[in-house]
Amino acid sequence: MNQMNITVMCPTHHAAAMGQQITMSSREIAKLVDSRHSNVCVTIERLMNSGVIGGYAALQYTHPQNLQVYHYYEVNKRDSYVIVAQLCPEFTARLVDRWQELESGSGMVVPQ
């Protein structure tokens, strides 16, 4: 009898398994620091304009309930630390913990 091993991974863990860079969305950062997503995006844009973090293209997200289109960013680990430090220094520890979960492959998926 043949058995198949099937592993289901979230997009973040799939990227890590494929050797691609792991990123975190601006929506997830907003949830981690208990901030409005629009404030996170303003911070990202300000930091990009000042050259503190890399230049990221805004991505599109369509909300399933109201079909409104919103933008968000996918940022790398280093830049996520900078963004969180700007937004809310006391939440930096939460970000460190979340990255450790993501990198160990045990992180739960946070809804987009």
PDB file of N, CA and C in Angstrom:
ATOM      1  N   MET A   1       0.841  -1.179   0.000  1.00  0.00           N
ATOM      2  CA  MET A   1       0.000   0.000   0.000  1.00  0.00           C
ATOM      3  C   MET A   1       0.884   1.238   0.000  1.00  0.00           C
ATOM      4  N   ASN A   2       0.646   2.112  -0.929  1.00  0.00           N
ATOM      5  CA  ASN A   2       1.414   3.351  -1.015  1.00  0.00           C
ATOM      6  C   ASN A   2       0.763   4.428  -0.165  1.00  0.00           C
ATOM      7  N   GLN A   3       1.609   5.163   0.540  1.00  0.00           N
ATOM      8  CA  GLN A   3       1.110   6.277   1.335  1.00  0.00           C
ATOM      9  C   GLN A   3       1.760   7.551   0.830  1.00  0.00           C
ATOM     10  N   MET A   4       0.986   8.597   0.820  1.00  0.00           N
ATOM     11  CA  MET A   4       1.517   9.888   0.401  1.00  0.00           C
ATOM     12  C   MET A   4       1.671  10.771   1.622  1.00  0.00           C
ATOM     13  N   ASN A   5       2.789  11.451   1.694  1.00  0.00           N
ATOM     14  CA  ASN A   5       2.994  12.455   2.721  1.00  0.00           C
ATOM     15  C   ASN A   5       2.585  13.795   2.140  1.00  0.00           C
ATOM     16  N   ILE A   6       1.581  14.396   2.707  1.00  0.00           N
ATOM     17  CA  ILE A   6       1.121  15.693   2.227  1.00  0.00           C
ATOM     18  C   ILE A   6       1.322  16.704   3.346  1.00  0.00           C
ATOM     19  N   THR A   7       2.054  17.752   3.036  1.00  0.00           N
ATOM     20  CA  THR A   7       2.285  18.814   4.001  1.00  0.00           C
ATOM     21  C   THR A   7       1.597  20.071   3.501  1.00  0.00           C
ATOM     22  N   VAL A   8       0.763  20.630   4.338  1.00  0.00           N
ATOM     23  CA  VAL A   8       0.071  21.864   3.986  1.00  0.00           C
ATOM     24  C   VAL A   8       0.773  23.006   4.702  1.00  0.00           C
ATOM     25  N   MET A   9       1.190  23.992   3.923  1.00  0.00           N
ATOM     26  CA  MET A   9       1.896  25.127   4.505  1.00  0.00           C
ATOM     27  C   MET A   9       1.195  26.421   4.128  1.00  0.00           C
ATOM     28  N   CYS A  10       1.263  27.388   5.035  1.00  0.00           N
ATOM     29  CA  CYS A  10       0.759  28.713   4.698  1.00  0.00           C
ATOM     30  C   CYS A  10       1.754  29.354   3.734  1.00  0.00           C
ATOM     31  N   PRO A  11       1.386  30.437   3.066  1.00  0.00           N
ATOM     32  CA  PRO A  11       2.301  31.061   2.099  1.00  0.00           C
ATOM     33  C   PRO A  11       3.657  31.428   2.686  1.00  0.00           C
ATOM     34  N   THR A  12       3.675  31.867   3.938  1.00  0.00           N
ATOM     35  CA  THR A  12       4.948  32.231   4.563  1.00  0.00           C
ATOM     36  C   THR A  12       5.855  31.022   4.681  1.00  0.00           C
ATOM     37  N   HIS A  13       5.308  29.904   5.156  1.00  0.00           N
ATOM     38  CA  HIS A  13       6.128  28.712   5.328  1.00  0.00           C
ATOM     39  C   HIS A  13       6.490  28.092   3.987  1.00  0.00           C
ATOM     40  N   HIS A  14       5.611  28.218   3.009  1.00  0.00           N
ATOM     41  CA  HIS A  14       5.922  27.743   1.667  1.00  0.00           C
ATOM     42  C   HIS A  14       7.113  28.518   1.109  1.00  0.00           C
ATOM     43  N   ALA A  15       7.129  29.823   1.306  1.00  0.00           N
ATOM     44  CA  ALA A  15       8.246  30.648   0.830  1.00  0.00           C
ATOM     45  C   ALA A  15       9.545  30.206   1.483  1.00  0.00           C
ATOM     46  N   ALA A  16       9.506  29.943   2.781  1.00  0.00           N
ATOM     47  CA  ALA A  16      10.717  29.521   3.484  1.00  0.00           C
ATOM     48  C   ALA A  16      11.201  28.174   2.969  1.00  0.00           C
ATOM     49  N   ALA A  17      10.269  27.257   2.732  1.00  0.00           N
ATOM     50  CA  ALA A  17      10.639  25.932   2.243  1.00  0.00           C
ATOM     51  C   ALA A  17      11.230  25.999   0.843  1.00  0.00           C
ATOM     52  N   MET A  18      10.796  26.954   0.056  1.00  0.00           N
ATOM     53  CA  MET A  18      11.279  27.101  -1.314  1.00  0.00           C
ATOM     54  C   MET A  18      12.527  27.973  -1.392  1.00  0.00           C
ATOM     55  N   GLY A  19      13.047  28.404  -0.249  1.00  0.00           N
ATOM     56  CA  GLY A  19      14.253  29.219  -0.238  1.00  0.00           C
ATOM     57  C   GLY A  19      14.011  30.677  -0.573  1.00  0.00           C
ATOM     58  N   GLN A  20      12.763  31.097  -0.553  1.00  0.00           N
ATOM     59  CA  GLN A  20      12.445  32.495  -0.825  1.00  0.00           C
ATOM     60  C   GLN A  20      12.443  33.286   0.479  1.00  0.00           C
ATOM     61  N   GLN A  21      12.551  34.598   0.337  1.00  0.00           N
ATOM     62  CA  GLN A  21      12.565  35.453   1.510  1.00  0.00           C
ATOM     63  C   GLN A  21      11.202  35.444   2.200  1.00  0.00           C
ATOM     64  N   ILE A  22      11.217  35.331   3.519  1.00  0.00           N
ATOM     65  CA  ILE A  22       9.997  35.393   4.305  1.00  0.00           C
ATOM     66  C   ILE A  22       9.654  36.862   4.516  1.00  0.00           C
ATOM     67  N   THR A  23       8.395  37.202   4.359  1.00  0.00           N
ATOM     68  CA  THR A  23       7.955  38.576   4.578  1.00  0.00           C
ATOM     69  C   THR A  23       6.792  38.601   5.560  1.00  0.00           C
ATOM     70  N   MET A  24       6.473  39.802   5.997  1.00  0.00           N
ATOM     71  CA  MET A  24       5.335  40.008   6.876  1.00  0.00           C
ATOM     72  C   MET A  24       4.504  41.136   6.274  1.00  0.00           C
ATOM     73  N   SER A  25       3.198  40.990   6.299  1.00  0.00           N
ATOM     74  CA  SER A  25       2.345  42.013   5.695  1.00  0.00           C
ATOM     75  C   SER A  25       2.129  43.183   6.655  1.00  0.00           C
ATOM     76  N   SER A  26       1.845  44.330   6.071  1.00  0.00           N
ATOM     77  CA  SER A  26       1.529  45.507   6.880  1.00  0.00           C
ATOM     78  C   SER A  26       0.260  45.260   7.702  1.00  0.00           C
ATOM     79  N   ARG A  27      -0.642  44.440   7.205  1.00  0.00           N
ATOM     80  CA  ARG A  27      -1.859  44.109   7.952  1.00  0.00           C
ATOM     81  C   ARG A  27      -1.511  43.301   9.207  1.00  0.00           C
ATOM     82  N   GLU A  28      -0.565  42.391   9.070  1.00  0.00           N
ATOM     83  CA  GLU A  28      -0.153  41.607  10.233  1.00  0.00           C
ATOM     84  C   GLU A  28       0.566  42.492  11.247  1.00  0.00           C
ATOM     85  N   ILE A  29       1.396  43.405  10.769  1.00  0.00           N
ATOM     86  CA  ILE A  29       2.076  44.340  11.672  1.00  0.00           C
ATOM     87  C   ILE A  29       1.043  45.163  12.437  1.00  0.00           C
ATOM     88  N   ALA A  30       0.020  45.648  11.739  1.00  0.00           N
ATOM     89  CA  ALA A  30      -1.031  46.435  12.397  1.00  0.00           C
ATOM     90  C   ALA A  30      -1.694  45.632  13.510  1.00  0.00           C
ATOM     91  N   LYS A  31      -1.965  44.370  13.237  1.00  0.00           N
ATOM     92  CA  LYS A  31      -2.593  43.513  14.248  1.00  0.00           C
ATOM     93  C   LYS A  31      -1.651  43.296  15.440  1.00  0.00           C
ATOM     94  N   LEU A  32      -0.368  43.070  15.166  1.00  0.00           N
ATOM     95  CA  LEU A  32       0.594  42.823  16.240  1.00  0.00           C
ATOM     96  C   LEU A  32       0.743  44.010  17.180  1.00  0.00           C
ATOM     97  N   VAL A  33       0.729  45.217  16.629  1.00  0.00           N
ATOM     98  CA  VAL A  33       0.955  46.406  17.455  1.00  0.00           C
ATOM     99  C   VAL A  33      -0.344  47.111  17.835  1.00  0.00           C
ATOM    100  N   ASP A  34      -1.473  46.499  17.468  1.00  0.00           N
ATOM    101  CA  ASP A  34      -2.784  47.050  17.800  1.00  0.00           C
ATOM    102  C   ASP A  34      -2.921  48.485  17.290  1.00  0.00           C
ATOM    103  N   SER A  35      -2.630  48.644  16.007  1.00  0.00           N
ATOM    104  CA  SER A  35      -2.677  49.952  15.356  1.00  0.00           C
ATOM    105  C   SER A  35      -3.556  49.861  14.113  1.00  0.00           C
ATOM    106  N   ARG A  36      -4.068  50.991  13.682  1.00  0.00           N
ATOM    107  CA  ARG A  36      -4.841  51.013  12.437  1.00  0.00           C
ATOM    108  C   ARG A  36      -3.916  50.709  11.269  1.00  0.00           C
ATOM    109  N   HIS A  37      -4.419  49.915  10.326  1.00  0.00           N
ATOM    110  CA  HIS A  37      -3.604  49.564   9.169  1.00  0.00           C
ATOM    111  C   HIS A  37      -3.193  50.804   8.386  1.00  0.00           C
ATOM    112  N   SER A  38      -4.068  51.776   8.290  1.00  0.00           N
ATOM    113  CA  SER A  38      -3.729  53.006   7.561  1.00  0.00           C
ATOM    114  C   SER A  38      -2.547  53.721   8.208  1.00  0.00           C
ATOM    115  N   ASN A  39      -2.448  53.686   9.535  1.00  0.00           N
ATOM    116  CA  ASN A  39      -1.306  54.303  10.219  1.00  0.00           C
ATOM    117  C   ASN A  39      -0.012  53.548   9.930  1.00  0.00           C
ATOM    118  N   VAL A  40      -0.109  52.231   9.851  1.00  0.00           N
ATOM    119  CA  VAL A  40       1.068  51.426   9.512  1.00  0.00           C
ATOM    120  C   VAL A  40       1.538  51.775   8.104  1.00  0.00           C
ATOM    121  N   CYS A  41       0.605  51.888   7.173  1.00  0.00           N
ATOM    122  CA  CYS A  41       0.970  52.224   5.787  1.00  0.00           C
ATOM    123  C   CYS A  41       1.606  53.604   5.696  1.00  0.00           C
ATOM    124  N   VAL A  42       1.081  54.573   6.431  1.00  0.00           N
ATOM    125  CA  VAL A  42       1.670  55.919   6.439  1.00  0.00           C
ATOM    126  C   VAL A  42       3.101  55.857   6.967  1.00  0.00           C
ATOM    127  N   THR A  43       3.320  55.088   8.018  1.00  0.00           N
ATOM    128  CA  THR A  43       4.666  54.939   8.575  1.00  0.00           C
ATOM    129  C   THR A  43       5.597  54.293   7.565  1.00  0.00           C
ATOM    130  N   ILE A  44       5.146  53.244   6.900  1.00  0.00           N
ATOM    131  CA  ILE A  44       5.961  52.577   5.881  1.00  0.00           C
ATOM    132  C   ILE A  44       6.317  53.558   4.774  1.00  0.00           C
ATOM    133  N   GLU A  45       5.346  54.307   4.297  1.00  0.00           N
ATOM    134  CA  GLU A  45       5.592  55.258   3.208  1.00  0.00           C
ATOM    135  C   GLU A  45       6.557  56.358   3.635  1.00  0.00           C
ATOM    136  N   ARG A  46       6.415  56.848   4.867  1.00  0.00           N
ATOM    137  CA  ARG A  46       7.327  57.878   5.383  1.00  0.00           C
ATOM    138  C   ARG A  46       8.749  57.338   5.484  1.00  0.00           C
ATOM    139  N   LEU A  47       8.897  56.126   6.000  1.00  0.00           N
ATOM    140  CA  LEU A  47      10.225  55.526   6.136  1.00  0.00           C
ATOM    141  C   LEU A  47      10.847  55.221   4.775  1.00  0.00           C
ATOM    142  N   MET A  48      10.026  54.823   3.808  1.00  0.00           N
ATOM    143  CA  MET A  48      10.543  54.598   2.451  1.00  0.00           C
ATOM    144  C   MET A  48      11.015  55.912   1.840  1.00  0.00           C
ATOM    145  N   ASN A  49      10.217  56.963   1.983  1.00  0.00           N
ATOM    146  CA  ASN A  49      10.568  58.261   1.409  1.00  0.00           C
ATOM    147  C   ASN A  49      11.842  58.836   2.008  1.00  0.00           C
ATOM    148  N   SER A  50      12.102  58.515   3.274  1.00  0.00           N
ATOM    149  CA  SER A  50      13.321  59.018   3.912  1.00  0.00           C
ATOM    150  C   SER A  50      14.507  58.080   3.700  1.00  0.00           C
ATOM    151  N   GLY A  51      14.285  56.952   3.037  1.00  0.00           N
ATOM    152  CA  GLY A  51      15.369  56.026   2.729  1.00  0.00           C
ATOM    153  C   GLY A  51      15.783  55.118   3.874  1.00  0.00           C
ATOM    154  N   VAL A  52      14.989  55.088   4.931  1.00  0.00           N
ATOM    155  CA  VAL A  52      15.323  54.261   6.095  1.00  0.00           C
ATOM    156  C   VAL A  52      15.047  52.785   5.827  1.00  0.00           C
ATOM    157  N   ILE A  53      13.978  52.506   5.093  1.00  0.00           N
ATOM    158  CA  ILE A  53      13.665  51.127   4.709  1.00  0.00           C
ATOM    159  C   ILE A  53      13.603  51.048   3.191  1.00  0.00           C
ATOM    160  N   GLY A  54      13.588  49.829   2.683  1.00  0.00           N
ATOM    161  CA  GLY A  54      13.551  49.608   1.239  1.00  0.00           C
ATOM    162  C   GLY A  54      12.281  50.146   0.608  1.00  0.00           C
ATOM    163  N   GLY A  55      12.301  50.229  -0.701  1.00  0.00           N
ATOM    164  CA  GLY A  55      11.121  50.675  -1.433  1.00  0.00           C
ATOM    165  C   GLY A  55      10.229  49.487  -1.744  1.00  0.00           C
ATOM    166  N   TYR A  56       9.018  49.534  -1.287  1.00  0.00           N
ATOM    167  CA  TYR A  56       8.070  48.446  -1.500  1.00  0.00           C
ATOM    168  C   TYR A  56       6.920  48.935  -2.364  1.00  0.00           C
ATOM    169  N   ALA A  57       6.473  48.082  -3.256  1.00  0.00           N
ATOM    170  CA  ALA A  57       5.297  48.402  -4.064  1.00  0.00           C
ATOM    171  C   ALA A  57       4.052  48.026  -3.268  1.00  0.00           C
ATOM    172  N   ALA A  58       3.048  48.872  -3.326  1.00  0.00           N
ATOM    173  CA  ALA A  58       1.782  48.563  -2.666  1.00  0.00           C
ATOM    174  C   ALA A  58       1.105  47.423  -3.421  1.00  0.00           C
ATOM    175  N   LEU A  59       0.624  46.449  -2.677  1.00  0.00           N
ATOM    176  CA  LEU A  59      -0.093  45.311  -3.245  1.00  0.00           C
ATOM    177  C   LEU A  59      -1.585  45.507  -3.017  1.00  0.00           C
ATOM    178  N   GLN A  60      -2.394  44.823  -3.784  1.00  0.00           N
ATOM    179  CA  GLN A  60      -3.851  44.947  -3.700  1.00  0.00           C
ATOM    180  C   GLN A  60      -4.453  43.824  -2.855  1.00  0.00           C
ATOM    181  N   TYR A  61      -5.449  44.163  -2.070  1.00  0.00           N
ATOM    182  CA  TYR A  61      -6.194  43.195  -1.273  1.00  0.00           C
ATOM    183  C   TYR A  61      -7.676  43.521  -1.429  1.00  0.00           C
ATOM    184  N   THR A  62      -8.468  42.548  -1.831  1.00  0.00           N
ATOM    185  CA  THR A  62      -9.914  42.742  -1.944  1.00  0.00           C
ATOM    186  C   THR A  62     -10.588  42.094  -0.740  1.00  0.00           C
ATOM    187  N   HIS A  63     -11.274  42.902   0.035  1.00  0.00           N
ATOM    188  CA  HIS A  63     -11.954  42.398   1.224  1.00  0.00           C
ATOM    189  C   HIS A  63     -13.114  41.508   0.780  1.00  0.00           C
ATOM    190  N   PRO A  64     -13.184  40.274   1.292  1.00  0.00           N
ATOM    191  CA  PRO A  64     -14.210  39.339   0.821  1.00  0.00           C
ATOM    192  C   PRO A  64     -15.642  39.746   1.172  1.00  0.00           C
ATOM    193  N   GLN A  65     -15.819  40.527   2.221  1.00  0.00           N
ATOM    194  CA  GLN A  65     -17.178  40.875   2.641  1.00  0.00           C
ATOM    195  C   GLN A  65     -17.760  42.032   1.830  1.00  0.00           C
ATOM    196  N   ASN A  66     -16.970  43.103   1.654  1.00  0.00           N
ATOM    197  CA  ASN A  66     -17.520  44.279   0.973  1.00  0.00           C
ATOM    198  C   ASN A  66     -16.925  44.518  -0.417  1.00  0.00           C
ATOM    199  N   LEU A  67     -15.996  43.654  -0.816  1.00  0.00           N
ATOM    200  CA  LEU A  67     -15.339  43.717  -2.125  1.00  0.00           C
ATOM    201  C   LEU A  67     -14.582  45.023  -2.370  1.00  0.00           C
ATOM    202  N   GLN A  68     -14.305  45.756  -1.304  1.00  0.00           N
ATOM    203  CA  GLN A  68     -13.480  46.958  -1.412  1.00  0.00           C
ATOM    204  C   GLN A  68     -12.030  46.540  -1.636  1.00  0.00           C
ATOM    205  N   VAL A  69     -11.317  47.327  -2.428  1.00  0.00           N
ATOM    206  CA  VAL A  69      -9.908  47.047  -2.695  1.00  0.00           C
ATOM    207  C   VAL A  69      -9.067  47.947  -1.798  1.00  0.00           C
ATOM    208  N   TYR A  70      -8.160  47.338  -1.059  1.00  0.00           N
ATOM    209  CA  TYR A  70      -7.257  48.054  -0.161  1.00  0.00           C
ATOM    210  C   TYR A  70      -5.831  47.737  -0.580  1.00  0.00           C
ATOM    211  N   HIS A  71      -4.898  48.563  -0.147  1.00  0.00           N
ATOM    212  CA  HIS A  71      -3.500  48.252  -0.430  1.00  0.00           C
ATOM    213  C   HIS A  71      -2.802  47.847   0.866  1.00  0.00           C
ATOM    214  N   TYR A  72      -1.733  47.120   0.702  1.00  0.00           N
ATOM    215  CA  TYR A  72      -0.916  46.688   1.830  1.00  0.00           C
ATOM    216  C   TYR A  72       0.501  46.473   1.324  1.00  0.00           C
ATOM    217  N   TYR A  73       1.417  46.244   2.243  1.00  0.00           N
ATOM    218  CA  TYR A  73       2.814  46.018   1.895  1.00  0.00           C
ATOM    219  C   TYR A  73       3.277  44.691   2.484  1.00  0.00           C
ATOM    220  N   GLU A  74       4.193  44.041   1.803  1.00  0.00           N
ATOM    221  CA  GLU A  74       4.907  42.875   2.330  1.00  0.00           C
ATOM    222  C   GLU A  74       6.336  43.342   2.569  1.00  0.00           C
ATOM    223  N   VAL A  75       6.785  43.294   3.825  1.00  0.00           N
ATOM    224  CA  VAL A  75       8.107  43.827   4.163  1.00  0.00           C
ATOM    225  C   VAL A  75       9.004  42.733   4.725  1.00  0.00           C
ATOM    226  N   ASN A  76      10.309  42.949   4.610  1.00  0.00           N
ATOM    227  CA  ASN A  76      11.257  41.960   5.116  1.00  0.00           C
ATOM    228  C   ASN A  76      11.428  42.104   6.629  1.00  0.00           C
ATOM    229  N   LYS A  77      12.176  41.203   7.188  1.00  0.00           N
ATOM    230  CA  LYS A  77      12.340  41.142   8.636  1.00  0.00           C
ATOM    231  C   LYS A  77      12.950  42.419   9.192  1.00  0.00           C
ATOM    232  N   ARG A  78      14.068  42.854   8.613  1.00  0.00           N
ATOM    233  CA  ARG A  78      14.762  44.041   9.117  1.00  0.00           C
ATOM    234  C   ARG A  78      13.838  45.253   9.110  1.00  0.00           C
ATOM    235  N   ASP A  79      13.150  45.453   8.000  1.00  0.00           N
ATOM    236  CA  ASP A  79      12.294  46.627   7.885  1.00  0.00           C
ATOM    237  C   ASP A  79      11.082  46.540   8.809  1.00  0.00           C
ATOM    238  N   SER A  80      10.604  45.335   9.080  1.00  0.00           N
ATOM    239  CA  SER A  80       9.476  45.202  10.005  1.00  0.00           C
ATOM    240  C   SER A  80       9.871  45.662  11.404  1.00  0.00           C
ATOM    241  N   TYR A  81      11.115  45.390  11.812  1.00  0.00           N
ATOM    242  CA  TYR A  81      11.596  45.875  13.113  1.00  0.00           C
ATOM    243  C   TYR A  81      11.611  47.398  13.154  1.00  0.00           C
ATOM    244  N   VAL A  82      12.093  48.008  12.083  1.00  0.00           N
ATOM    245  CA  VAL A  82      12.166  49.470  12.016  1.00  0.00           C
ATOM    246  C   VAL A  82      10.759  50.071  12.074  1.00  0.00           C
ATOM    247  N   ILE A  83       9.833  49.477  11.339  1.00  0.00           N
ATOM    248  CA  ILE A  83       8.453  49.976  11.307  1.00  0.00           C
ATOM    249  C   ILE A  83       7.818  49.886  12.692  1.00  0.00           C
ATOM    250  N   VAL A  84       7.961  48.743  13.337  1.00  0.00           N
ATOM    251  CA  VAL A  84       7.364  48.559  14.664  1.00  0.00           C
ATOM    252  C   VAL A  84       8.018  49.481  15.684  1.00  0.00           C
ATOM    253  N   ALA A  85       9.329  49.667  15.591  1.00  0.00           N
ATOM    254  CA  ALA A  85      10.011  50.569  16.518  1.00  0.00           C
ATOM    255  C   ALA A  85       9.471  51.994  16.385  1.00  0.00           C
ATOM    256  N   GLN A  86       9.138  52.396  15.171  1.00  0.00           N
ATOM    257  CA  GLN A  86       8.567  53.722  14.945  1.00  0.00           C
ATOM    258  C   GLN A  86       7.137  53.815  15.471  1.00  0.00           C
ATOM    259  N   LEU A  87       6.372  52.778  15.260  1.00  0.00           N
ATOM    260  CA  LEU A  87       4.954  52.800  15.629  1.00  0.00           C
ATOM    261  C   LEU A  87       4.731  52.694  17.128  1.00  0.00           C
ATOM    262  N   CYS A  88       5.428  51.765  17.740  1.00  0.00           N
ATOM    263  CA  CYS A  88       5.107  51.438  19.124  1.00  0.00           C
ATOM    264  C   CYS A  88       6.240  50.613  19.733  1.00  0.00           C
ATOM    265  N   PRO A  89       7.241  51.275  20.298  1.00  0.00           N
ATOM    266  CA  PRO A  89       8.414  50.545  20.794  1.00  0.00           C
ATOM    267  C   PRO A  89       8.102  49.414  21.770  1.00  0.00           C
ATOM    268  N   GLU A  90       7.047  49.568  22.580  1.00  0.00           N
ATOM    269  CA  GLU A  90       6.759  48.522  23.565  1.00  0.00           C
ATOM    270  C   GLU A  90       6.264  47.226  22.934  1.00  0.00           C
ATOM    271  N   PHE A  91       5.894  47.273  21.654  1.00  0.00           N
ATOM    272  CA  PHE A  91       5.436  46.066  20.980  1.00  0.00           C
ATOM    273  C   PHE A  91       6.545  45.360  20.208  1.00  0.00           C
ATOM    274  N   THR A  92       7.761  45.883  20.261  1.00  0.00           N
ATOM    275  CA  THR A  92       8.866  45.271  19.525  1.00  0.00           C
ATOM    276  C   THR A  92       9.062  43.817  19.951  1.00  0.00           C
ATOM    277  N   ALA A  93       8.883  43.513  21.222  1.00  0.00           N
ATOM    278  CA  ALA A  93       9.037  42.136  21.701  1.00  0.00           C
ATOM    279  C   ALA A  93       8.043  41.200  21.024  1.00  0.00           C
ATOM    280  N   ARG A  94       6.822  41.657  20.785  1.00  0.00           N
ATOM    281  CA  ARG A  94       5.831  40.825  20.088  1.00  0.00           C
ATOM    282  C   ARG A  94       6.308  40.492  18.679  1.00  0.00           C
ATOM    283  N   LEU A  95       6.920  41.472  18.033  1.00  0.00           N
ATOM    284  CA  LEU A  95       7.424  41.248  16.682  1.00  0.00           C
ATOM    285  C   LEU A  95       8.559  40.232  16.694  1.00  0.00           C
ATOM    286  N   VAL A  96       9.471  40.360  17.650  1.00  0.00           N
ATOM    287  CA  VAL A  96      10.572  39.402  17.771  1.00  0.00           C
ATOM    288  C   VAL A  96      10.007  37.994  17.957  1.00  0.00           C
ATOM    289  N   ASP A  97       9.032  37.858  18.837  1.00  0.00           N
ATOM    290  CA  ASP A  97       8.418  36.551  19.084  1.00  0.00           C
ATOM    291  C   ASP A  97       7.758  35.996  17.824  1.00  0.00           C
ATOM    292  N   ARG A  98       7.055  36.860  17.093  1.00  0.00           N
ATOM    293  CA  ARG A  98       6.364  36.398  15.881  1.00  0.00           C
ATOM    294  C   ARG A  98       7.354  35.934  14.834  1.00  0.00           C
ATOM    295  N   TRP A  99       8.464  36.661  14.649  1.00  0.00           N
ATOM    296  CA  TRP A  99       9.471  36.230  13.675  1.00  0.00           C
ATOM    297  C   TRP A  99      10.078  34.890  14.077  1.00  0.00           C
ATOM    298  N   GLN A 100      10.274  34.681  15.363  1.00  0.00           N
ATOM    299  CA  GLN A 100      10.804  33.396  15.805  1.00  0.00           C
ATOM    300  C   GLN A 100       9.825  32.274  15.475  1.00  0.00           C
ATOM    301  N   GLU A 101       8.524  32.528  15.630  1.00  0.00           N
ATOM    302  CA  GLU A 101       7.517  31.534  15.251  1.00  0.00           C
ATOM    303  C   GLU A 101       7.560  31.250  13.753  1.00  0.00           C
ATOM    304  N   LEU A 102       7.620  32.317  12.955  1.00  0.00           N
ATOM    305  CA  LEU A 102       7.636  32.151  11.497  1.00  0.00           C
ATOM    306  C   LEU A 102       8.856  31.366  11.045  1.00  0.00           C
ATOM    307  N   GLU A 103      10.003  31.694  11.608  1.00  0.00           N
ATOM    308  CA  GLU A 103      11.244  31.048  11.180  1.00  0.00           C
ATOM    309  C   GLU A 103      11.345  29.605  11.655  1.00  0.00           C
ATOM    310  N   SER A 104      10.679  29.288  12.755  1.00  0.00           N
ATOM    311  CA  SER A 104      10.716  27.907  13.235  1.00  0.00           C
ATOM    312  C   SER A 104       9.671  27.042  12.534  1.00  0.00           C
ATOM    313  N   GLY A 105       8.785  27.689  11.782  1.00  0.00           N
ATOM    314  CA  GLY A 105       7.746  26.944  11.074  1.00  0.00           C
ATOM    315  C   GLY A 105       6.552  26.605  11.932  1.00  0.00           C
ATOM    316  N   SER A 106       6.504  27.139  13.141  1.00  0.00           N
ATOM    317  CA  SER A 106       5.388  26.810  14.026  1.00  0.00           C
ATOM    318  C   SER A 106       4.382  27.943  14.149  1.00  0.00           C
ATOM    319  N   GLY A 107       4.565  28.996  13.367  1.00  0.00           N
ATOM    320  CA  GLY A 107       3.678  30.153  13.475  1.00  0.00           C
ATOM    321  C   GLY A 107       2.308  29.891  12.901  1.00  0.00           C
ATOM    322  N   MET A 108       1.306  30.348  13.595  1.00  0.00           N
ATOM    323  CA  MET A 108      -0.056  30.262  13.087  1.00  0.00           C
ATOM    324  C   MET A 108      -0.248  31.371  12.070  1.00  0.00           C
ATOM    325  N   VAL A 109      -1.105  31.149  11.119  1.00  0.00           N
ATOM    326  CA  VAL A 109      -1.384  32.141  10.093  1.00  0.00           C
ATOM    327  C   VAL A 109      -2.302  33.207  10.672  1.00  0.00           C
ATOM    328  N   VAL A 110      -1.924  34.469  10.499  1.00  0.00           N
ATOM    329  CA  VAL A 110      -2.768  35.580  10.905  1.00  0.00           C
ATOM    330  C   VAL A 110      -3.599  35.978   9.698  1.00  0.00           C
ATOM    331  N   PRO A 111      -4.909  36.106   9.846  1.00  0.00           N
ATOM    332  CA  PRO A 111      -5.752  36.440   8.689  1.00  0.00           C
ATOM    333  C   PRO A 111      -5.305  37.728   8.023  1.00  0.00           C
ATOM    334  N   GLN A 112      -5.329  37.723   6.693  1.00  0.00           N
ATOM    335  CA  GLN A 112      -4.977  38.910   5.931  1.00  0.00           C
ATOM    336  C   GLN A 112      -6.163  39.810   5.933  1.00  0.00           C
TER     337      GLN A 112
END
